[in-house]
């Protein structure tokens, strides 16, 4: 049995920065790109959304998505890195890391 303490969401302590418990906001440019590329609703694009399972991408969509990301964000995504993209959060994290 899982301890109830492990299943509860942590509560923000007064005075603690919001970033500690809040999910980071998705880049609106990324959301628009995903909606345009995958023909999905903005409400479906969450950090945890699976590109294939939740947003309906197939292998061709993923290749086209990588090319669009490279153009839109001015980054270069290797095949190895592209293969690791499973969720919207993965995509955002990769783009952010490549822009540094």
PDB file of N, CA and C in Angstrom:
ATOM      1  N   UNK A   1       0.844  -1.182   0.000  1.00  0.00           N
ATOM      2  CA  UNK A   1       0.000   0.000   0.000  1.00  0.00           C
ATOM      3  C   UNK A   1       0.890   1.246   0.000  1.00  0.00           C
ATOM      4  N   UNK A   2       0.487   2.243  -0.781  1.00  0.00           N
ATOM      5  CA  UNK A   2       1.248   3.477  -0.891  1.00  0.00           C
ATOM      6  C   UNK A   2       0.872   4.404   0.255  1.00  0.00           C
ATOM      7  N   UNK A   3       1.874   4.971   0.860  1.00  0.00           N
ATOM      8  CA  UNK A   3       1.646   5.901   1.958  1.00  0.00           C
ATOM      9  C   UNK A   3       0.874   7.117   1.464  1.00  0.00           C
ATOM     10  N   UNK A   4      -0.151   7.577   2.221  1.00  0.00           N
ATOM     11  CA  UNK A   4      -0.892   8.771   1.808  1.00  0.00           C
ATOM     12  C   UNK A   4       0.017   9.987   1.637  1.00  0.00           C
ATOM     13  N   UNK A   5       1.100  10.041   2.375  1.00  0.00           N
ATOM     14  CA  UNK A   5       2.018  11.174   2.262  1.00  0.00           C
ATOM     15  C   UNK A   5       2.680  11.215   0.884  1.00  0.00           C
ATOM     16  N   UNK A   6       2.828  10.050   0.247  1.00  0.00           N
ATOM     17  CA  UNK A   6       3.455  10.003  -1.064  1.00  0.00           C
ATOM     18  C   UNK A   6       2.489  10.348  -2.188  1.00  0.00           C
ATOM     19  N   UNK A   7       1.200  10.280  -1.931  1.00  0.00           N
ATOM     20  CA  UNK A   7       0.220  10.540  -2.981  1.00  0.00           C
ATOM     21  C   UNK A   7      -0.355  11.943  -2.927  1.00  0.00           C
ATOM     22  N   UNK A   8      -0.117  12.659  -1.844  1.00  0.00           N
ATOM     23  CA  UNK A   8      -0.618  14.032  -1.733  1.00  0.00           C
ATOM     24  C   UNK A   8       0.267  14.987  -2.492  1.00  0.00           C
ATOM     25  N   UNK A   9      -0.347  16.016  -3.075  1.00  0.00           N
ATOM     26  CA  UNK A   9       0.429  17.076  -3.713  1.00  0.00           C
ATOM     27  C   UNK A   9       1.014  17.962  -2.626  1.00  0.00           C
ATOM     28  N   UNK A  10       2.262  18.335  -2.761  1.00  0.00           N
ATOM     29  CA  UNK A  10       2.849  19.222  -1.754  1.00  0.00           C
ATOM     30  C   UNK A  10       2.157  20.574  -1.770  1.00  0.00           C
ATOM     31  N   UNK A  11       1.967  21.123  -0.603  1.00  0.00           N
ATOM     32  CA  UNK A  11       1.340  22.436  -0.472  1.00  0.00           C
ATOM     33  C   UNK A  11       2.434  23.493  -0.411  1.00  0.00           C
ATOM     34  N   UNK A  12       2.175  24.619  -1.059  1.00  0.00           N
ATOM     35  CA  UNK A  12       3.153  25.713  -1.059  1.00  0.00           C
ATOM     36  C   UNK A  12       3.154  26.370   0.309  1.00  0.00           C
ATOM     37  N   UNK A  13       4.335  26.536   0.846  1.00  0.00           N
ATOM     38  CA  UNK A  13       4.502  27.200   2.123  1.00  0.00           C
ATOM     39  C   UNK A  13       4.365  28.699   1.932  1.00  0.00           C
ATOM     40  N   UNK A  14       3.775  29.411   2.882  1.00  0.00           N
ATOM     41  CA  UNK A  14       3.689  30.859   2.751  1.00  0.00           C
ATOM     42  C   UNK A  14       5.073  31.461   2.551  1.00  0.00           C
ATOM     43  N   UNK A  15       5.175  32.346   1.584  1.00  0.00           N
ATOM     44  CA  UNK A  15       6.446  32.998   1.295  1.00  0.00           C
ATOM     45  C   UNK A  15       7.346  32.224   0.353  1.00  0.00           C
ATOM     46  N   UNK A  16       7.001  30.952   0.040  1.00  0.00           N
ATOM     47  CA  UNK A  16       7.824  30.160  -0.874  1.00  0.00           C
ATOM     48  C   UNK A  16       7.536  30.580  -2.309  1.00  0.00           C
ATOM     49  N   UNK A  17       8.541  30.561  -3.166  1.00  0.00           N
ATOM     50  CA  UNK A  17       8.308  30.923  -4.561  1.00  0.00           C
ATOM     51  C   UNK A  17       7.313  29.974  -5.214  1.00  0.00           C
ATOM     52  N   UNK A  18       6.453  30.489  -6.061  1.00  0.00           N
ATOM     53  CA  UNK A  18       5.431  29.693  -6.717  1.00  0.00           C
ATOM     54  C   UNK A  18       6.043  28.631  -7.621  1.00  0.00           C
ATOM     55  N   UNK A  19       7.226  28.881  -8.156  1.00  0.00           N
ATOM     56  CA  UNK A  19       7.851  27.951  -9.091  1.00  0.00           C
ATOM     57  C   UNK A  19       8.164  26.602  -8.448  1.00  0.00           C
ATOM     58  N   UNK A  20       8.225  26.543  -7.143  1.00  0.00           N
ATOM     59  CA  UNK A  20       8.556  25.291  -6.474  1.00  0.00           C
ATOM     60  C   UNK A  20       7.460  24.259  -6.680  1.00  0.00           C
ATOM     61  N   UNK A  21       6.197  24.652  -6.635  1.00  0.00           N
ATOM     62  CA  UNK A  21       5.116  23.692  -6.752  1.00  0.00           C
ATOM     63  C   UNK A  21       4.319  23.813  -8.037  1.00  0.00           C
ATOM     64  N   UNK A  22       4.452  24.903  -8.753  1.00  0.00           N
ATOM     65  CA  UNK A  22       3.658  25.106  -9.962  1.00  0.00           C
ATOM     66  C   UNK A  22       4.380  24.531 -11.177  1.00  0.00           C
ATOM     67  N   UNK A  23       3.600  24.017 -12.127  1.00  0.00           N
ATOM     68  CA  UNK A  23       4.173  23.594 -13.399  1.00  0.00           C
ATOM     69  C   UNK A  23       4.554  24.838 -14.175  1.00  0.00           C
ATOM     70  N   UNK A  24       5.628  24.747 -14.930  1.00  0.00           N
ATOM     71  CA  UNK A  24       6.017  25.894 -15.739  1.00  0.00           C
ATOM     72  C   UNK A  24       4.976  26.079 -16.845  1.00  0.00           C
ATOM     73  N   UNK A  25       4.810  27.292 -17.249  1.00  0.00           N
ATOM     74  CA  UNK A  25       3.858  27.590 -18.319  1.00  0.00           C
ATOM     75  C   UNK A  25       4.451  27.150 -19.654  1.00  0.00           C
ATOM     76  N   UNK A  26       3.591  26.642 -20.510  1.00  0.00           N
ATOM     77  CA  UNK A  26       4.045  26.263 -21.841  1.00  0.00           C
ATOM     78  C   UNK A  26       4.187  27.506 -22.704  1.00  0.00           C
ATOM     79  N   UNK A  27       5.191  27.513 -23.546  1.00  0.00           N
ATOM     80  CA  UNK A  27       5.439  28.611 -24.464  1.00  0.00           C
ATOM     81  C   UNK A  27       4.264  28.692 -25.447  1.00  0.00           C
ATOM     82  N   UNK A  28       3.590  29.843 -25.529  1.00  0.00           N
ATOM     83  CA  UNK A  28       2.452  29.978 -26.444  1.00  0.00           C
ATOM     84  C   UNK A  28       2.831  29.688 -27.898  1.00  0.00           C
ATOM     85  N   UNK A  29       4.047  30.029 -28.273  1.00  0.00           N
ATOM     86  CA  UNK A  29       4.513  29.750 -29.639  1.00  0.00           C
ATOM     87  C   UNK A  29       4.568  28.238 -29.875  1.00  0.00           C
ATOM     88  N   UNK A  30       5.006  27.488 -28.856  1.00  0.00           N
ATOM     89  CA  UNK A  30       5.067  26.039 -28.949  1.00  0.00           C
ATOM     90  C   UNK A  30       3.658  25.453 -29.028  1.00  0.00           C
ATOM     91  N   UNK A  31       2.759  25.951 -28.210  1.00  0.00           N
ATOM     92  CA  UNK A  31       1.377  25.467 -28.213  1.00  0.00           C
ATOM     93  C   UNK A  31       0.748  25.688 -29.588  1.00  0.00           C
ATOM     94  N   UNK A  32       0.924  26.883 -30.144  1.00  0.00           N
ATOM     95  CA  UNK A  32       0.370  27.184 -31.468  1.00  0.00           C
ATOM     96  C   UNK A  32       0.979  26.273 -32.539  1.00  0.00           C
ATOM     97  N   UNK A  33       2.286  26.050 -32.453  1.00  0.00           N
ATOM     98  CA  UNK A  33       2.950  25.189 -33.418  1.00  0.00           C
ATOM     99  C   UNK A  33       2.395  23.769 -33.341  1.00  0.00           C
ATOM    100  N   UNK A  34       2.257  23.246 -32.126  1.00  0.00           N
ATOM    101  CA  UNK A  34       1.724  21.893 -31.950  1.00  0.00           C
ATOM    102  C   UNK A  34       0.291  21.782 -32.458  1.00  0.00           C
ATOM    103  N   UNK A  35      -0.530  22.769 -32.153  1.00  0.00           N
ATOM    104  CA  UNK A  35      -1.931  22.741 -32.602  1.00  0.00           C
ATOM    105  C   UNK A  35      -2.007  22.788 -34.126  1.00  0.00           C
ATOM    106  N   UNK A  36      -1.193  23.607 -34.741  1.00  0.00           N
ATOM    107  CA  UNK A  36      -1.180  23.693 -36.189  1.00  0.00           C
ATOM    108  C   UNK A  36      -0.650  22.430 -36.843  1.00  0.00           C
ATOM    109  N   UNK A  37       0.396  21.873 -36.266  1.00  0.00           N
ATOM    110  CA  UNK A  37       1.046  20.691 -36.843  1.00  0.00           C
ATOM    111  C   UNK A  37       0.217  19.427 -36.629  1.00  0.00           C
ATOM    112  N   UNK A  38      -0.402  19.308 -35.457  1.00  0.00           N
ATOM    113  CA  UNK A  38      -1.100  18.067 -35.114  1.00  0.00           C
ATOM    114  C   UNK A  38      -2.623  18.199 -35.157  1.00  0.00           C
ATOM    115  N   UNK A  39      -3.117  19.361 -35.545  1.00  0.00           N
ATOM    116  CA  UNK A  39      -4.568  19.608 -35.646  1.00  0.00           C
ATOM    117  C   UNK A  39      -5.287  19.204 -34.356  1.00  0.00           C
ATOM    118  N   UNK A  40      -4.770  19.711 -33.228  1.00  0.00           N
ATOM    119  CA  UNK A  40      -5.389  19.409 -31.932  1.00  0.00           C
ATOM    120  C   UNK A  40      -5.846  20.713 -31.279  1.00  0.00           C
ATOM    121  N   UNK A  41      -6.682  20.584 -30.276  1.00  0.00           N
ATOM    122  CA  UNK A  41      -7.186  21.739 -29.539  1.00  0.00           C
ATOM    123  C   UNK A  41      -6.138  22.222 -28.538  1.00  0.00           C
ATOM    124  N   UNK A  42      -6.112  23.523 -28.306  1.00  0.00           N
ATOM    125  CA  UNK A  42      -5.154  24.093 -27.348  1.00  0.00           C
ATOM    126  C   UNK A  42      -5.321  23.484 -25.956  1.00  0.00           C
ATOM    127  N   UNK A  43      -6.560  23.189 -25.579  1.00  0.00           N
ATOM    128  CA  UNK A  43      -6.811  22.624 -24.248  1.00  0.00           C
ATOM    129  C   UNK A  43      -6.152  21.259 -24.076  1.00  0.00           C
ATOM    130  N   UNK A  44      -5.909  20.554 -25.173  1.00  0.00           N
ATOM    131  CA  UNK A  44      -5.290  19.229 -25.100  1.00  0.00           C
ATOM    132  C   UNK A  44      -3.781  19.309 -24.914  1.00  0.00           C
ATOM    133  N   UNK A  45      -3.207  20.463 -25.193  1.00  0.00           N
ATOM    134  CA  UNK A  45      -1.750  20.624 -25.132  1.00  0.00           C
ATOM    135  C   UNK A  45      -1.350  21.014 -23.711  1.00  0.00           C
ATOM    136  N   UNK A  46      -0.970  20.003 -22.955  1.00  0.00           N
ATOM    137  CA  UNK A  46      -0.478  20.204 -21.591  1.00  0.00           C
ATOM    138  C   UNK A  46       0.934  19.650 -21.516  1.00  0.00           C
ATOM    139  N   UNK A  47       1.630  19.986 -20.466  1.00  0.00           N
ATOM    140  CA  UNK A  47       3.008  19.531 -20.308  1.00  0.00           C
ATOM    141  C   UNK A  47       3.097  18.004 -20.315  1.00  0.00           C
ATOM    142  N   UNK A  48       2.095  17.335 -19.753  1.00  0.00           N
ATOM    143  CA  UNK A  48       2.127  15.876 -19.649  1.00  0.00           C
ATOM    144  C   UNK A  48       1.510  15.166 -20.848  1.00  0.00           C
ATOM    145  N   UNK A  49       0.941  15.907 -21.795  1.00  0.00           N
ATOM    146  CA  UNK A  49       0.265  15.281 -22.935  1.00  0.00           C
ATOM    147  C   UNK A  49       1.259  14.510 -23.805  1.00  0.00           C
ATOM    148  N   UNK A  50       0.905  13.273 -24.112  1.00  0.00           N
ATOM    149  CA  UNK A  50       1.708  12.433 -24.990  1.00  0.00           C
ATOM    150  C   UNK A  50       1.490  12.877 -26.432  1.00  0.00           C
ATOM    151  N   UNK A  51       2.584  13.034 -27.163  1.00  0.00           N
ATOM    152  CA  UNK A  51       2.468  13.450 -28.554  1.00  0.00           C
ATOM    153  C   UNK A  51       1.679  12.438 -29.375  1.00  0.00           C
ATOM    154  N   UNK A  52       1.905  11.159 -29.138  1.00  0.00           N
ATOM    155  CA  UNK A  52       1.226  10.109 -29.896  1.00  0.00           C
ATOM    156  C   UNK A  52      -0.118   9.748 -29.268  1.00  0.00           C
ATOM    157  N   UNK A  53      -0.120   9.420 -27.986  1.00  0.00           N
ATOM    158  CA  UNK A  53      -1.332   8.948 -27.327  1.00  0.00           C
ATOM    159  C   UNK A  53      -2.410   9.992 -27.144  1.00  0.00           C
ATOM    160  N   UNK A  54      -2.018  11.203 -26.750  1.00  0.00           N
ATOM    161  CA  UNK A  54      -3.008  12.243 -26.451  1.00  0.00           C
ATOM    162  C   UNK A  54      -3.261  13.197 -27.617  1.00  0.00           C
ATOM    163  N   UNK A  55      -2.216  13.497 -28.383  1.00  0.00           N
ATOM    164  CA  UNK A  55      -2.355  14.490 -29.449  1.00  0.00           C
ATOM    165  C   UNK A  55      -2.470  13.867 -30.837  1.00  0.00           C
ATOM    166  N   UNK A  56      -2.382  12.546 -30.918  1.00  0.00           N
ATOM    167  CA  UNK A  56      -2.642  11.835 -32.166  1.00  0.00           C
ATOM    168  C   UNK A  56      -1.547  11.887 -33.216  1.00  0.00           C
ATOM    169  N   UNK A  57      -0.318  12.178 -32.812  1.00  0.00           N
ATOM    170  CA  UNK A  57       0.783  12.233 -33.781  1.00  0.00           C
ATOM    171  C   UNK A  57       1.155  10.827 -34.257  1.00  0.00           C
ATOM    172  N   UNK A  58       1.546  10.727 -35.519  1.00  0.00           N
ATOM    173  CA  UNK A  58       2.126   9.478 -36.026  1.00  0.00           C
ATOM    174  C   UNK A  58       3.593   9.752 -36.345  1.00  0.00           C
ATOM    175  N   UNK A  59       4.293   8.773 -36.885  1.00  0.00           N
ATOM    176  CA  UNK A  59       5.734   8.942 -37.104  1.00  0.00           C
ATOM    177  C   UNK A  59       6.041  10.072 -38.086  1.00  0.00           C
ATOM    178  N   UNK A  60       5.233  10.231 -39.121  1.00  0.00           N
ATOM    179  CA  UNK A  60       5.451  11.325 -40.067  1.00  0.00           C
ATOM    180  C   UNK A  60       5.204  12.676 -39.398  1.00  0.00           C
ATOM    181  N   UNK A  61       4.166  12.750 -38.560  1.00  0.00           N
ATOM    182  CA  UNK A  61       3.895  13.986 -37.817  1.00  0.00           C
ATOM    183  C   UNK A  61       5.089  14.373 -36.957  1.00  0.00           C
ATOM    184  N   UNK A  62       5.729  13.387 -36.338  1.00  0.00           N
ATOM    185  CA  UNK A  62       6.859  13.677 -35.457  1.00  0.00           C
ATOM    186  C   UNK A  62       8.056  14.214 -36.244  1.00  0.00           C
ATOM    187  N   UNK A  63       8.299  13.656 -37.427  1.00  0.00           N
ATOM    188  CA  UNK A  63       9.384  14.163 -38.269  1.00  0.00           C
ATOM    189  C   UNK A  63       9.082  15.604 -38.676  1.00  0.00           C
ATOM    190  N   UNK A  64       7.850  15.850 -39.116  1.00  0.00           N
ATOM    191  CA  UNK A  64       7.460  17.203 -39.519  1.00  0.00           C
ATOM    192  C   UNK A  64       7.512  18.170 -38.336  1.00  0.00           C
ATOM    193  N   UNK A  65       7.148  17.680 -37.155  1.00  0.00           N
ATOM    194  CA  UNK A  65       7.195  18.509 -35.954  1.00  0.00           C
ATOM    195  C   UNK A  65       8.629  18.937 -35.645  1.00  0.00           C
ATOM    196  N   UNK A  66       9.566  18.016 -35.733  1.00  0.00           N
ATOM    197  CA  UNK A  66      10.972  18.335 -35.473  1.00  0.00           C
ATOM    198  C   UNK A  66      11.457  19.397 -36.460  1.00  0.00           C
ATOM    199  N   UNK A  67      11.122  19.249 -37.727  1.00  0.00           N
ATOM    200  CA  UNK A  67      11.523  20.241 -38.725  1.00  0.00           C
ATOM    201  C   UNK A  67      10.910  21.605 -38.426  1.00  0.00           C
ATOM    202  N   UNK A  68       9.651  21.613 -38.022  1.00  0.00           N
ATOM    203  CA  UNK A  68       8.979  22.871 -37.673  1.00  0.00           C
ATOM    204  C   UNK A  68       9.601  23.514 -36.439  1.00  0.00           C
ATOM    205  N   UNK A  69       9.960  22.688 -35.456  1.00  0.00           N
ATOM    206  CA  UNK A  69      10.608  23.205 -34.250  1.00  0.00           C
ATOM    207  C   UNK A  69      11.950  23.843 -34.593  1.00  0.00           C
ATOM    208  N   UNK A  70      12.701  23.184 -35.455  1.00  0.00           N
ATOM    209  CA  UNK A  70      14.002  23.725 -35.853  1.00  0.00           C
ATOM    210  C   UNK A  70      13.839  25.086 -36.528  1.00  0.00           C
ATOM    211  N   UNK A  71      12.852  25.193 -37.407  1.00  0.00           N
ATOM    212  CA  UNK A  71      12.603  26.466 -38.102  1.00  0.00           C
ATOM    213  C   UNK A  71      12.090  27.540 -37.149  1.00  0.00           C
ATOM    214  N   UNK A  72      11.118  27.185 -36.330  1.00  0.00           N
ATOM    215  CA  UNK A  72      10.461  28.170 -35.472  1.00  0.00           C
ATOM    216  C   UNK A  72      11.354  28.681 -34.349  1.00  0.00           C
ATOM    217  N   UNK A  73      12.200  27.819 -33.811  1.00  0.00           N
ATOM    218  CA  UNK A  73      12.995  28.193 -32.644  1.00  0.00           C
ATOM    219  C   UNK A  73      14.479  28.350 -32.944  1.00  0.00           C
ATOM    220  N   UNK A  74      14.879  28.117 -34.189  1.00  0.00           N
ATOM    221  CA  UNK A  74      16.278  28.294 -34.560  1.00  0.00           C
ATOM    222  C   UNK A  74      17.218  27.331 -33.873  1.00  0.00           C
ATOM    223  N   UNK A  75      16.786  26.079 -33.738  1.00  0.00           N
ATOM    224  CA  UNK A  75      17.608  25.059 -33.085  1.00  0.00           C
ATOM    225  C   UNK A  75      17.853  23.917 -34.063  1.00  0.00           C
ATOM    226  N   UNK A  76      18.803  23.054 -33.732  1.00  0.00           N
ATOM    227  CA  UNK A  76      19.082  21.851 -34.501  1.00  0.00           C
ATOM    228  C   UNK A  76      18.836  20.665 -33.588  1.00  0.00           C
ATOM    229  N   UNK A  77      17.931  19.763 -33.995  1.00  0.00           N
ATOM    230  CA  UNK A  77      17.562  18.613 -33.172  1.00  0.00           C
ATOM    231  C   UNK A  77      18.071  17.345 -33.851  1.00  0.00           C
ATOM    232  N   UNK A  78      18.952  16.629 -33.166  1.00  0.00           N
ATOM    233  CA  UNK A  78      19.508  15.390 -33.712  1.00  0.00           C
ATOM    234  C   UNK A  78      18.439  14.294 -33.695  1.00  0.00           C
ATOM    235  N   UNK A  79      18.643  13.278 -34.502  1.00  0.00           N
ATOM    236  CA  UNK A  79      17.715  12.150 -34.538  1.00  0.00           C
ATOM    237  C   UNK A  79      17.610  11.454 -33.195  1.00  0.00           C
ATOM    238  N   UNK A  80      18.739  11.369 -32.499  1.00  0.00           N
ATOM    239  CA  UNK A  80      18.748  10.716 -31.174  1.00  0.00           C
ATOM    240  C   UNK A  80      17.877  11.494 -30.192  1.00  0.00           C
ATOM    241  N   UNK A  81      18.010  12.814 -30.211  1.00  0.00           N
ATOM    242  CA  UNK A  81      17.197  13.641 -29.311  1.00  0.00           C
ATOM    243  C   UNK A  81      15.732  13.615 -29.721  1.00  0.00           C
ATOM    244  N   UNK A  82      15.476  13.636 -31.011  1.00  0.00           N
ATOM    245  CA  UNK A  82      14.095  13.608 -31.505  1.00  0.00           C
ATOM    246  C   UNK A  82      13.397  12.318 -31.078  1.00  0.00           C
ATOM    247  N   UNK A  83      14.140  11.215 -31.052  1.00  0.00           N
ATOM    248  CA  UNK A  83      13.564   9.926 -30.672  1.00  0.00           C
ATOM    249  C   UNK A  83      13.115   9.909 -29.217  1.00  0.00           C
ATOM    250  N   UNK A  84      13.657  10.792 -28.396  1.00  0.00           N
ATOM    251  CA  UNK A  84      13.292  10.846 -26.985  1.00  0.00           C
ATOM    252  C   UNK A  84      12.109  11.745 -26.671  1.00  0.00           C
ATOM    253  N   UNK A  85      11.522  12.347 -27.691  1.00  0.00           N
ATOM    254  CA  UNK A  85      10.396  13.255 -27.459  1.00  0.00           C
ATOM    255  C   UNK A  85       9.101  12.452 -27.346  1.00  0.00           C
ATOM    256  N   UNK A  86       8.570  12.384 -26.131  1.00  0.00           N
ATOM    257  CA  UNK A  86       7.334  11.633 -25.896  1.00  0.00           C
ATOM    258  C   UNK A  86       6.178  12.549 -25.501  1.00  0.00           C
ATOM    259  N   UNK A  87       6.480  13.586 -24.740  1.00  0.00           N
ATOM    260  CA  UNK A  87       5.435  14.477 -24.241  1.00  0.00           C
ATOM    261  C   UNK A  87       5.710  15.916 -24.664  1.00  0.00           C
ATOM    262  N   UNK A  88       4.709  16.755 -24.500  1.00  0.00           N
ATOM    263  CA  UNK A  88       4.866  18.184 -24.777  1.00  0.00           C
ATOM    264  C   UNK A  88       5.954  18.758 -23.868  1.00  0.00           C
ATOM    265  N   UNK A  89       5.998  18.318 -22.623  1.00  0.00           N
ATOM    266  CA  UNK A  89       7.036  18.770 -21.697  1.00  0.00           C
ATOM    267  C   UNK A  89       8.424  18.414 -22.185  1.00  0.00           C
ATOM    268  N   UNK A  90       8.574  17.214 -22.788  1.00  0.00           N
ATOM    269  CA  UNK A  90       9.859  16.818 -23.367  1.00  0.00           C
ATOM    270  C   UNK A  90      10.271  17.778 -24.471  1.00  0.00           C
ATOM    271  N   UNK A  91       9.295  18.145 -25.308  1.00  0.00           N
ATOM    272  CA  UNK A  91       9.573  19.045 -26.423  1.00  0.00           C
ATOM    273  C   UNK A  91      10.022  20.400 -25.894  1.00  0.00           C
ATOM    274  N   UNK A  92       9.280  20.938 -24.931  1.00  0.00           N
ATOM    275  CA  UNK A  92       9.636  22.259 -24.400  1.00  0.00           C
ATOM    276  C   UNK A  92      11.011  22.229 -23.721  1.00  0.00           C
ATOM    277  N   UNK A  93      11.266  21.204 -22.947  1.00  0.00           N
ATOM    278  CA  UNK A  93      12.564  21.100 -22.260  1.00  0.00           C
ATOM    279  C   UNK A  93      13.706  21.037 -23.257  1.00  0.00           C
ATOM    280  N   UNK A  94      13.527  20.275 -24.335  1.00  0.00           N
ATOM    281  CA  UNK A  94      14.570  20.161 -25.339  1.00  0.00           C
ATOM    282  C   UNK A  94      14.815  21.490 -26.024  1.00  0.00           C
ATOM    283  N   UNK A  95      13.752  22.166 -26.432  1.00  0.00           N
ATOM    284  CA  UNK A  95      13.907  23.454 -27.113  1.00  0.00           C
ATOM    285  C   UNK A  95      14.615  24.448 -26.199  1.00  0.00           C
ATOM    286  N   UNK A  96      14.218  24.497 -24.934  1.00  0.00           N
ATOM    287  CA  UNK A  96      14.852  25.419 -23.983  1.00  0.00           C
ATOM    288  C   UNK A  96      16.336  25.091 -23.832  1.00  0.00           C
ATOM    289  N   UNK A  97      16.665  23.813 -23.704  1.00  0.00           N
ATOM    290  CA  UNK A  97      18.074  23.438 -23.518  1.00  0.00           C
ATOM    291  C   UNK A  97      18.917  23.751 -24.753  1.00  0.00           C
ATOM    292  N   UNK A  98      18.325  23.646 -25.921  1.00  0.00           N
ATOM    293  CA  UNK A  98      19.075  23.910 -27.153  1.00  0.00           C
ATOM    294  C   UNK A  98      19.224  25.404 -27.432  1.00  0.00           C
ATOM    295  N   UNK A  99      18.388  26.218 -26.841  1.00  0.00           N
ATOM    296  CA  UNK A  99      18.470  27.664 -27.046  1.00  0.00           C
ATOM    297  C   UNK A  99      19.498  28.316 -26.148  1.00  0.00           C
ATOM    298  N   UNK A 100      20.013  27.614 -25.174  1.00  0.00           N
ATOM    299  CA  UNK A 100      20.980  28.205 -24.234  1.00  0.00           C
ATOM    300  C   UNK A 100      22.330  28.336 -24.858  1.00  0.00           C
TER     301      UNK A 100
END
